[in-house]
Amino acid sequence: MLLFKRDVLNAIAAGEIDLAFRRWRRPAVRPGTELRTEVGVLVVGAVESVPESAVTDRDARRAGFADRGRLLADQRPGEDRRLYRIGVRIAGDDPRTRLRQDTDVPTAELDEIVAELARMDARSRREPWTARILELIHDQPGVRAAELAAQVGRETQPFKADVRKLKERGLTESLETGYRLSPRGRLVLGHLRA
């Protein structure tokens, strides 16, 4: 996967960075891949294998490094890995951002959201979890995922995966530490409680 630190994402959004370099056994992204990030939807441009000798200081600066030496030193080692040059740009806002703020939801649509959550619960191999996680995040915004997971007897990574499912529906949002319910999430939780 193509992951970036927040400061790099900010630089991409500002147009200061438009390249990334990664060492992979095979490309982890393709041209046209869209990645939702904290700063918006990132679109992958050209993805090409390049020899180290082809990397210039200008390439390094476009990727957020002072020079090619620092860029190359930052890459994952491994003789079985090739160096890839990846074009990146911001294509627009994350659609989930708008969805999270949307509270102008008719009752019929709220009923459908609740029905979808019930279907998610029904597909689960454990007890119903969607309302429980929404309640947990509502009552404890900003608490680390590991702590929340422990409170419900879950491993951290599967717990985070479930929170991401709720985030996809605009119900939760990530904070620097932990989560909180979005305005839409609070509306849905109120409907669930009723």
Protein backbone atom coordinates (compact mmCIF):
# COMPACT_ATOMS: atom_id res chain seq x y z
CA MET A 1 0.00 0.00 0.00
CA LEU A 2 1.05 3.59 -0.51
CA LEU A 3 0.99 5.28 2.90
CA PHE A 4 2.08 8.81 3.76
CA LYS A 5 2.73 10.70 6.98
CA ARG A 6 0.48 13.68 7.69
CA ASP A 7 3.14 16.29 6.85
CA VAL A 8 3.73 14.64 3.46
CA LEU A 9 -0.01 14.55 2.79
CA ASN A 10 -0.22 18.25 3.62
CA ALA A 11 2.62 18.94 1.17
CA ILE A 12 0.87 16.90 -1.54
CA ALA A 13 -2.35 18.85 -0.93
CA ALA A 14 -0.39 22.11 -1.18
CA GLY A 15 1.15 21.00 -4.49
CA GLU A 16 4.66 20.93 -3.02
CA ILE A 17 5.08 17.16 -3.50
CA ASP A 18 3.97 15.30 -6.63
CA LEU A 19 6.21 12.22 -6.55
CA ALA A 20 6.77 9.29 -4.23
CA PHE A 21 9.37 6.55 -4.33
CA ARG A 22 8.94 3.06 -2.87
CA ARG A 23 10.85 -0.22 -3.01
CA TRP A 24 8.45 -3.06 -3.73
CA ARG A 25 8.68 -6.57 -5.04
CA ARG A 26 5.83 -5.58 -7.36
CA PRO A 27 3.81 -2.35 -7.57
CA ALA A 28 1.33 -1.96 -4.73
CA VAL A 29 -0.73 0.59 -6.70
CA ARG A 30 -1.64 1.20 -10.33
CA PRO A 31 -2.09 4.40 -12.29
CA GLY A 32 -5.53 5.79 -11.52
CA THR A 33 -5.74 4.24 -8.05
CA GLU A 34 -7.61 6.54 -5.67
CA LEU A 35 -6.64 6.61 -2.00
CA ARG A 36 -8.76 8.35 0.62
CA THR A 37 -6.56 10.27 3.02
CA GLU A 38 -6.93 12.80 5.79
CA VAL A 39 -6.39 15.64 3.31
CA GLY A 40 -8.59 14.38 0.48
CA VAL A 41 -8.65 11.82 -2.28
CA LEU A 42 -5.15 11.11 -3.60
CA VAL A 43 -4.82 9.88 -7.18
CA VAL A 44 -1.87 7.82 -8.37
CA GLY A 45 -0.35 8.84 -11.69
CA ALA A 46 2.42 6.98 -13.50
CA VAL A 47 4.00 4.04 -11.68
CA GLU A 48 7.34 3.03 -13.13
CA SER A 49 10.32 0.98 -12.06
CA VAL A 50 13.49 3.10 -12.19
CA PRO A 51 17.14 2.38 -11.50
CA GLU A 52 18.66 4.35 -8.61
CA SER A 53 20.99 6.01 -11.12
CA ALA A 54 17.96 7.62 -12.81
CA VAL A 55 16.82 9.40 -9.64
CA THR A 56 17.81 13.08 -9.66
CA ASP A 57 18.01 15.72 -6.95
CA ARG A 58 15.01 17.37 -8.65
CA ASP A 59 13.03 14.10 -8.30
CA ALA A 60 14.02 13.97 -4.64
CA ARG A 61 12.81 17.52 -4.00
CA ARG A 62 9.53 16.72 -5.79
CA ALA A 63 9.17 13.81 -3.34
CA GLY A 64 9.90 15.99 -0.30
CA PHE A 65 13.59 15.17 0.23
CA ALA A 66 16.56 17.54 0.23
CA ASP A 67 18.49 15.44 -2.29
CA ARG A 68 18.63 12.02 -3.97
CA GLY A 69 20.98 10.62 -1.31
CA ARG A 70 18.43 11.23 1.44
CA LEU A 71 15.61 9.87 -0.69
CA LEU A 72 17.53 6.65 -1.45
CA ALA A 73 18.62 6.25 2.19
CA ASP A 74 14.94 6.42 3.21
CA GLN A 75 13.94 3.48 1.00
CA ARG A 76 13.33 -0.02 2.31
CA PRO A 77 16.40 -2.20 1.70
CA GLY A 78 16.28 -5.46 -0.18
CA GLU A 79 17.90 -6.88 -3.26
CA ASP A 80 14.61 -8.50 -4.22
CA ARG A 81 12.87 -5.12 -4.36
CA ARG A 82 12.75 -2.65 -7.23
CA LEU A 83 12.59 1.11 -6.86
CA TYR A 84 9.33 2.61 -8.15
CA ARG A 85 8.66 6.23 -9.05
CA ILE A 86 5.00 7.14 -8.43
CA GLY A 87 3.15 10.27 -9.48
CA VAL A 88 0.69 11.58 -6.87
CA ARG A 89 -1.84 14.40 -6.68
CA ILE A 90 -4.93 15.43 -4.76
CA ALA A 91 -8.12 14.99 -6.79
CA GLY A 92 -10.59 16.49 -4.34
CA ASP A 93 -12.26 16.14 -0.99
CA ASP A 94 -12.97 12.78 0.60
CA PRO A 95 -16.70 12.15 -0.03
CA ARG A 96 -16.99 10.77 3.51
CA THR A 97 -16.28 14.27 4.85
CA ARG A 98 -19.47 15.62 3.30
CA LEU A 99 -21.41 12.50 4.31
CA ARG A 100 -20.34 12.86 7.96
CA GLN A 101 -21.79 16.37 8.07
CA ASP A 102 -25.09 15.42 6.39
CA THR A 103 -27.82 15.43 9.03
CA ASP A 104 -30.66 16.37 6.69
CA VAL A 105 -31.75 12.75 6.56
CA PRO A 106 -35.42 11.75 6.20
CA THR A 107 -36.77 9.12 8.60
CA ALA A 108 -37.02 6.54 5.81
CA GLU A 109 -33.30 6.94 5.07
CA LEU A 110 -32.47 6.67 8.78
CA ASP A 111 -34.51 3.46 8.88
CA GLU A 112 -32.46 2.13 5.93
CA ILE A 113 -29.17 3.02 7.66
CA VAL A 114 -30.33 1.19 10.79
CA ALA A 115 -31.39 -1.79 8.63
CA GLU A 116 -27.94 -1.81 7.01
CA LEU A 117 -26.30 -1.84 10.45
CA ALA A 118 -28.57 -4.76 11.40
CA ARG A 119 -27.41 -6.63 8.28
CA MET A 120 -23.78 -5.98 9.26
CA ASP A 121 -24.55 -7.40 12.71
CA ALA A 122 -26.25 -10.44 11.17
CA ARG A 123 -23.21 -11.20 8.98
CA SER A 124 -20.93 -11.08 12.00
CA ARG A 125 -19.67 -14.26 13.65
CA ARG A 126 -20.04 -12.67 17.07
CA GLU A 127 -22.81 -10.81 18.84
CA PRO A 128 -24.24 -7.61 17.31
CA TRP A 129 -21.54 -4.95 17.43
CA THR A 130 -22.52 -1.83 15.45
CA ALA A 131 -24.63 -0.06 18.10
CA ARG A 132 -22.22 -1.13 20.82
CA ILE A 133 -19.26 0.49 19.06
CA LEU A 134 -21.26 3.63 18.26
CA GLU A 135 -22.24 3.92 21.95
CA LEU A 136 -18.65 3.30 23.07
CA ILE A 137 -17.25 6.01 20.78
CA HIS A 138 -20.07 8.39 21.71
CA ASP A 139 -19.34 7.98 25.41
CA GLN A 140 -15.54 8.07 25.08
CA PRO A 141 -14.39 10.29 22.23
CA GLY A 142 -10.63 10.55 21.81
CA VAL A 143 -9.86 7.32 23.66
CA ARG A 144 -7.22 5.08 22.06
CA ALA A 145 -8.55 2.21 19.96
CA ALA A 146 -6.64 -0.35 22.06
CA GLU A 147 -8.41 0.84 25.21
CA LEU A 148 -11.83 0.79 23.58
CA ALA A 149 -11.19 -2.67 22.12
CA ALA A 150 -10.15 -4.02 25.53
CA GLN A 151 -13.38 -2.72 27.07
CA VAL A 152 -15.39 -4.94 24.73
CA GLY A 153 -13.01 -7.91 24.84
CA ARG A 154 -11.70 -7.44 21.29
CA GLU A 155 -8.28 -7.40 19.65
CA THR A 156 -7.25 -3.92 18.50
CA GLN A 157 -6.89 -4.54 14.75
CA PRO A 158 -10.29 -6.24 14.23
CA PHE A 159 -11.86 -3.50 16.36
CA LYS A 160 -10.28 -0.82 14.16
CA ALA A 161 -11.53 -2.65 11.06
CA ASP A 162 -15.08 -2.48 12.41
CA VAL A 163 -14.73 1.23 13.18
CA ARG A 164 -13.56 1.75 9.58
CA LYS A 165 -16.76 0.07 8.37
CA LEU A 166 -18.74 2.66 10.32
CA LYS A 167 -16.47 5.42 9.03
CA GLU A 168 -17.22 4.35 5.43
CA ARG A 169 -20.87 5.11 6.18
CA GLY A 170 -20.04 8.56 7.54
CA LEU A 171 -20.83 7.65 11.15
CA THR A 172 -17.42 8.01 12.81
CA GLU A 173 -14.33 10.07 12.24
CA SER A 174 -10.75 9.55 13.32
CA LEU A 175 -9.06 11.95 15.67
CA GLU A 176 -5.33 12.25 16.28
CA THR A 177 -6.01 9.80 19.11
CA GLY A 178 -9.15 7.70 19.00
CA TYR A 179 -12.44 8.51 17.33
CA ARG A 180 -15.63 10.49 17.71
CA LEU A 181 -19.09 10.20 16.22
CA SER A 182 -19.76 12.48 13.31
CA PRO A 183 -22.90 14.63 13.31
CA ARG A 184 -24.48 11.95 11.08
CA GLY A 185 -23.31 9.26 13.52
CA ARG A 186 -24.94 11.07 16.44
CA LEU A 187 -28.17 11.32 14.43
CA VAL A 188 -28.11 7.61 13.62
CA LEU A 189 -27.32 6.65 17.21
CA GLY A 190 -30.26 8.77 18.38
CA HIS A 191 -32.48 6.94 15.88
CA LEU A 192 -31.15 3.58 17.10
CA ARG A 193 -31.89 4.51 20.71
CA ALA A 194 -35.42 5.57 19.80
